[in-house]
Amino acid sequence: MRLGDDAPSEGLAAADEAELRDLLASGKKIEAIKFYRERTGLGLKEAKDAVEDLERGVS
């Protein structure tokens, strides 16, 4: 699954996509959610849901 092809990555640049994947791969879920919120402007719940969907491989 490529981030650019699904809802969780809406509004993310390629470099941001790579950073988000690195954070998740390093087990830094909270930091990934914060990062996603900063980059997209979404609220906490929406960002958490998007990051968890990405983590599970759900598009």
PDB file of N, CA and C in Angstrom:
ATOM      1  N   MET A   1       0.839  -1.179   0.000  1.00  0.00           N
ATOM      2  CA  MET A   1       0.000   0.000   0.000  1.00  0.00           C
ATOM      3  C   MET A   1       0.882   1.239   0.000  1.00  0.00           C
ATOM      4  N   ARG A   2       0.598   2.148  -0.907  1.00  0.00           N
ATOM      5  CA  ARG A   2       1.330   3.408  -0.965  1.00  0.00           C
ATOM      6  C   ARG A   2       0.489   4.480  -0.312  1.00  0.00           C
ATOM      7  N   LEU A   3       1.120   5.251   0.566  1.00  0.00           N
ATOM      8  CA  LEU A   3       0.398   6.286   1.290  1.00  0.00           C
ATOM      9  C   LEU A   3      -0.317   7.253   0.363  1.00  0.00           C
ATOM     10  N   GLY A   4       0.279   7.623  -0.732  1.00  0.00           N
ATOM     11  CA  GLY A   4      -0.318   8.597  -1.625  1.00  0.00           C
ATOM     12  C   GLY A   4      -1.603   8.135  -2.278  1.00  0.00           C
ATOM     13  N   ASP A   5      -1.935   6.865  -2.170  1.00  0.00           N
ATOM     14  CA  ASP A   5      -3.110   6.315  -2.817  1.00  0.00           C
ATOM     15  C   ASP A   5      -4.283   6.104  -1.880  1.00  0.00           C
ATOM     16  N   ASP A   6      -4.172   6.500  -0.631  1.00  0.00           N
ATOM     17  CA  ASP A   6      -5.259   6.247   0.302  1.00  0.00           C
ATOM     18  C   ASP A   6      -5.516   7.446   1.195  1.00  0.00           C
ATOM     19  N   ALA A   7      -6.613   7.426   1.902  1.00  0.00           N
ATOM     20  CA  ALA A   7      -7.042   8.550   2.727  1.00  0.00           C
ATOM     21  C   ALA A   7      -6.033   8.979   3.790  1.00  0.00           C
ATOM     22  N   PRO A   8      -5.363   8.065   4.493  1.00  0.00           N
ATOM     23  CA  PRO A   8      -4.464   8.514   5.551  1.00  0.00           C
ATOM     24  C   PRO A   8      -3.372   9.474   5.109  1.00  0.00           C
ATOM     25  N   SER A   9      -3.032   9.484   3.841  1.00  0.00           N
ATOM     26  CA  SER A   9      -1.935  10.346   3.409  1.00  0.00           C
ATOM     27  C   SER A   9      -2.403  11.635   2.762  1.00  0.00           C
ATOM     28  N   GLU A  10      -3.698  11.893   2.745  1.00  0.00           N
ATOM     29  CA  GLU A  10      -4.186  13.113   2.116  1.00  0.00           C
ATOM     30  C   GLU A  10      -3.427  14.320   2.627  1.00  0.00           C
ATOM     31  N   GLY A  11      -2.902  15.101   1.716  1.00  0.00           N
ATOM     32  CA  GLY A  11      -2.207  16.311   2.097  1.00  0.00           C
ATOM     33  C   GLY A  11      -0.752  16.134   2.494  1.00  0.00           C
ATOM     34  N   LEU A  12      -0.219  14.935   2.407  1.00  0.00           N
ATOM     35  CA  LEU A  12       1.176  14.704   2.793  1.00  0.00           C
ATOM     36  C   LEU A  12       2.086  14.709   1.573  1.00  0.00           C
ATOM     37  N   ALA A  13       3.206  15.394   1.690  1.00  0.00           N
ATOM     38  CA  ALA A  13       4.233  15.371   0.653  1.00  0.00           C
ATOM     39  C   ALA A  13       4.997  14.051   0.758  1.00  0.00           C
ATOM     40  N   ALA A  14       5.729  13.703  -0.273  1.00  0.00           N
ATOM     41  CA  ALA A  14       6.476  12.443  -0.284  1.00  0.00           C
ATOM     42  C   ALA A  14       7.447  12.352   0.894  1.00  0.00           C
ATOM     43  N   ALA A  15       8.120  13.449   1.212  1.00  0.00           N
ATOM     44  CA  ALA A  15       9.064  13.443   2.339  1.00  0.00           C
ATOM     45  C   ALA A  15       8.328  13.228   3.656  1.00  0.00           C
ATOM     46  N   ASP A  16       7.142  13.826   3.783  1.00  0.00           N
ATOM     47  CA  ASP A  16       6.341  13.643   4.992  1.00  0.00           C
ATOM     48  C   ASP A  16       5.853  12.203   5.105  1.00  0.00           C
ATOM     49  N   GLU A  17       5.496  11.629   3.973  1.00  0.00           N
ATOM     50  CA  GLU A  17       5.057  10.234   3.936  1.00  0.00           C
ATOM     51  C   GLU A  17       6.166   9.320   4.449  1.00  0.00           C
ATOM     52  N   ALA A  18       7.378   9.551   3.989  1.00  0.00           N
ATOM     53  CA  ALA A  18       8.518   8.737   4.416  1.00  0.00           C
ATOM     54  C   ALA A  18       8.781   8.907   5.913  1.00  0.00           C
ATOM     55  N   GLU A  19       8.694  10.132   6.398  1.00  0.00           N
ATOM     56  CA  GLU A  19       8.906  10.397   7.826  1.00  0.00           C
ATOM     57  C   GLU A  19       7.848   9.694   8.672  1.00  0.00           C
ATOM     58  N   LEU A  20       6.605   9.737   8.234  1.00  0.00           N
ATOM     59  CA  LEU A  20       5.517   9.078   8.960  1.00  0.00           C
ATOM     60  C   LEU A  20       5.750   7.572   9.026  1.00  0.00           C
ATOM     61  N   ARG A  21       6.138   6.991   7.908  1.00  0.00           N
ATOM     62  CA  ARG A  21       6.424   5.547   7.888  1.00  0.00           C
ATOM     63  C   ARG A  21       7.597   5.208   8.807  1.00  0.00           C
ATOM     64  N   ASP A  22       8.626   6.048   8.816  1.00  0.00           N
ATOM     65  CA  ASP A  22       9.784   5.823   9.693  1.00  0.00           C
ATOM     66  C   ASP A  22       9.377   5.866  11.161  1.00  0.00           C
ATOM     67  N   LEU A  23       8.543   6.829  11.523  1.00  0.00           N
ATOM     68  CA  LEU A  23       8.082   6.929  12.908  1.00  0.00           C
ATOM     69  C   LEU A  23       7.316   5.671  13.313  1.00  0.00           C
ATOM     70  N   LEU A  24       6.424   5.212  12.448  1.00  0.00           N
ATOM     71  CA  LEU A  24       5.658   4.004  12.761  1.00  0.00           C
ATOM     72  C   LEU A  24       6.561   2.779  12.840  1.00  0.00           C
ATOM     73  N   ALA A  25       7.509   2.674  11.931  1.00  0.00           N
ATOM     74  CA  ALA A  25       8.429   1.535  11.935  1.00  0.00           C
ATOM     75  C   ALA A  25       9.298   1.519  13.189  1.00  0.00           C
ATOM     76  N   SER A  26       9.524   2.700  13.767  1.00  0.00           N
ATOM     77  CA  SER A  26      10.334   2.809  14.985  1.00  0.00           C
ATOM     78  C   SER A  26       9.504   2.661  16.251  1.00  0.00           C
ATOM     79  N   GLY A  27       8.217   2.384  16.090  1.00  0.00           N
ATOM     80  CA  GLY A  27       7.348   2.217  17.249  1.00  0.00           C
ATOM     81  C   GLY A  27       6.955   3.524  17.910  1.00  0.00           C
ATOM     82  N   LYS A  28       7.052   4.613  17.179  1.00  0.00           N
ATOM     83  CA  LYS A  28       6.751   5.939  17.735  1.00  0.00           C
ATOM     84  C   LYS A  28       5.374   6.409  17.255  1.00  0.00           C
ATOM     85  N   LYS A  29       4.360   5.694  17.685  1.00  0.00           N
ATOM     86  CA  LYS A  29       3.000   5.961  17.229  1.00  0.00           C
ATOM     87  C   LYS A  29       2.511   7.349  17.653  1.00  0.00           C
ATOM     88  N   ILE A  30       2.756   7.737  18.887  1.00  0.00           N
ATOM     89  CA  ILE A  30       2.304   9.046  19.357  1.00  0.00           C
ATOM     90  C   ILE A  30       2.971  10.162  18.562  1.00  0.00           C
ATOM     91  N   GLU A  31       4.267  10.022  18.322  1.00  0.00           N
ATOM     92  CA  GLU A  31       4.978  11.016  17.525  1.00  0.00           C
ATOM     93  C   GLU A  31       4.434  11.047  16.097  1.00  0.00           C
ATOM     94  N   ALA A  32       4.070   9.879  15.564  1.00  0.00           N
ATOM     95  CA  ALA A  32       3.501   9.806  14.219  1.00  0.00           C
ATOM     96  C   ALA A  32       2.168  10.547  14.159  1.00  0.00           C
ATOM     97  N   ILE A  33       1.352  10.387  15.184  1.00  0.00           N
ATOM     98  CA  ILE A  33       0.061  11.080  15.228  1.00  0.00           C
ATOM     99  C   ILE A  33       0.279  12.592  15.310  1.00  0.00           C
ATOM    100  N   LYS A  34       1.199  13.019  16.156  1.00  0.00           N
ATOM    101  CA  LYS A  34       1.509  14.451  16.272  1.00  0.00           C
ATOM    102  C   LYS A  34       2.001  14.998  14.934  1.00  0.00           C
ATOM    103  N   PHE A  35       2.906  14.257  14.304  1.00  0.00           N
ATOM    104  CA  PHE A  35       3.457  14.654  13.014  1.00  0.00           C
ATOM    105  C   PHE A  35       2.341  14.789  11.983  1.00  0.00           C
ATOM    106  N   TYR A  36       1.449  13.804  11.934  1.00  0.00           N
ATOM    107  CA  TYR A  36       0.341  13.812  10.979  1.00  0.00           C
ATOM    108  C   TYR A  36      -0.568  15.014  11.215  1.00  0.00           C
ATOM    109  N   ARG A  37      -0.858  15.300  12.481  1.00  0.00           N
ATOM    110  CA  ARG A  37      -1.704  16.454  12.819  1.00  0.00           C
ATOM    111  C   ARG A  37      -1.064  17.755  12.358  1.00  0.00           C
ATOM    112  N   GLU A  38       0.235  17.892  12.618  1.00  0.00           N
ATOM    113  CA  GLU A  38       0.942  19.116  12.222  1.00  0.00           C
ATOM    114  C   GLU A  38       0.915  19.318  10.714  1.00  0.00           C
ATOM    115  N   ARG A  39       1.078  18.244   9.976  1.00  0.00           N
ATOM    116  CA  ARG A  39       1.173  18.345   8.518  1.00  0.00           C
ATOM    117  C   ARG A  39      -0.183  18.507   7.844  1.00  0.00           C
ATOM    118  N   THR A  40      -1.253  17.940   8.438  1.00  0.00           N
ATOM    119  CA  THR A  40      -2.556  17.959   7.781  1.00  0.00           C
ATOM    120  C   THR A  40      -3.535  18.950   8.387  1.00  0.00           C
ATOM    121  N   GLY A  41      -3.307  19.334   9.642  1.00  0.00           N
ATOM    122  CA  GLY A  41      -4.235  20.230  10.311  1.00  0.00           C
ATOM    123  C   GLY A  41      -5.479  19.535  10.839  1.00  0.00           C
ATOM    124  N   LEU A  42      -5.494  18.216  10.803  1.00  0.00           N
ATOM    125  CA  LEU A  42      -6.639  17.463  11.314  1.00  0.00           C
ATOM    126  C   LEU A  42      -6.644  17.449  12.832  1.00  0.00           C
ATOM    127  N   GLY A  43      -7.797  17.106  13.386  1.00  0.00           N
ATOM    128  CA  GLY A  43      -7.927  16.971  14.826  1.00  0.00           C
ATOM    129  C   GLY A  43      -7.280  15.686  15.312  1.00  0.00           C
ATOM    130  N   LEU A  44      -7.218  15.549  16.630  1.00  0.00           N
ATOM    131  CA  LEU A  44      -6.563  14.393  17.237  1.00  0.00           C
ATOM    132  C   LEU A  44      -7.208  13.078  16.823  1.00  0.00           C
ATOM    133  N   LYS A  45      -8.526  12.975  16.912  1.00  0.00           N
ATOM    134  CA  LYS A  45      -9.202  11.714  16.588  1.00  0.00           C
ATOM    135  C   LYS A  45      -8.993  11.334  15.126  1.00  0.00           C
ATOM    136  N   GLU A  46      -9.142  12.306  14.235  1.00  0.00           N
ATOM    137  CA  GLU A  46      -8.975  12.023  12.809  1.00  0.00           C
ATOM    138  C   GLU A  46      -7.547  11.592  12.495  1.00  0.00           C
ATOM    139  N   ALA A  47      -6.582  12.268  13.091  1.00  0.00           N
ATOM    140  CA  ALA A  47      -5.181  11.915  12.865  1.00  0.00           C
ATOM    141  C   ALA A  47      -4.869  10.539  13.443  1.00  0.00           C
ATOM    142  N   LYS A  48      -5.373  10.265  14.645  1.00  0.00           N
ATOM    143  CA  LYS A  48      -5.153   8.959  15.277  1.00  0.00           C
ATOM    144  C   LYS A  48      -5.755   7.851  14.422  1.00  0.00           C
ATOM    145  N   ASP A  49      -6.988   8.049  13.963  1.00  0.00           N
ATOM    146  CA  ASP A  49      -7.640   7.044  13.123  1.00  0.00           C
ATOM    147  C   ASP A  49      -6.864   6.812  11.830  1.00  0.00           C
ATOM    148  N   ALA A  50      -6.393   7.888  11.206  1.00  0.00           N
ATOM    149  CA  ALA A  50      -5.652   7.770   9.952  1.00  0.00           C
ATOM    150  C   ALA A  50      -4.338   7.025  10.155  1.00  0.00           C
ATOM    151  N   VAL A  51      -3.623   7.352  11.224  1.00  0.00           N
ATOM    152  CA  VAL A  51      -2.347   6.690  11.503  1.00  0.00           C
ATOM    153  C   VAL A  51      -2.581   5.219  11.845  1.00  0.00           C
ATOM    154  N   GLU A  52      -3.618   4.933  12.611  1.00  0.00           N
ATOM    155  CA  GLU A  52      -3.915   3.535  12.941  1.00  0.00           C
ATOM    156  C   GLU A  52      -4.332   2.753  11.706  1.00  0.00           C
ATOM    157  N   ASP A  53      -5.090   3.369  10.801  1.00  0.00           N
ATOM    158  CA  ASP A  53      -5.447   2.708   9.544  1.00  0.00           C
ATOM    159  C   ASP A  53      -4.192   2.393   8.740  1.00  0.00           C
ATOM    160  N   LEU A  54      -3.297   3.347   8.671  1.00  0.00           N
ATOM    161  CA  LEU A  54      -2.036   3.138   7.955  1.00  0.00           C
ATOM    162  C   LEU A  54      -1.238   2.010   8.601  1.00  0.00           C
ATOM    163  N   GLU A  55      -1.192   2.028   9.915  1.00  0.00           N
ATOM    164  CA  GLU A  55      -0.441   1.020  10.665  1.00  0.00           C
ATOM    165  C   GLU A  55      -0.985  -0.389  10.392  1.00  0.00           C
ATOM    166  N   ARG A  56      -2.301  -0.490  10.249  1.00  0.00           N
ATOM    167  CA  ARG A  56      -2.945  -1.784   9.975  1.00  0.00           C
ATOM    168  C   ARG A  56      -2.923  -2.137   8.495  1.00  0.00           C
ATOM    169  N   GLY A  57      -2.570  -1.168   7.658  1.00  0.00           N
ATOM    170  CA  GLY A  57      -2.553  -1.415   6.222  1.00  0.00           C
ATOM    171  C   GLY A  57      -3.914  -1.268   5.585  1.00  0.00           C
ATOM    172  N   VAL A  58      -4.797  -0.512   6.231  1.00  0.00           N
ATOM    173  CA  VAL A  58      -6.144  -0.283   5.712  1.00  0.00           C
ATOM    174  C   VAL A  58      -6.130   0.965   4.865  1.00  0.00           C
ATOM    175  N   SER A  59      -6.785   0.893   3.698  1.00  0.00           N
ATOM    176  CA  SER A  59      -6.853   2.105   2.869  1.00  0.00           C
ATOM    177  C   SER A  59      -8.187   2.779   3.000  1.00  0.00           C
TER     178      SER A  59
END
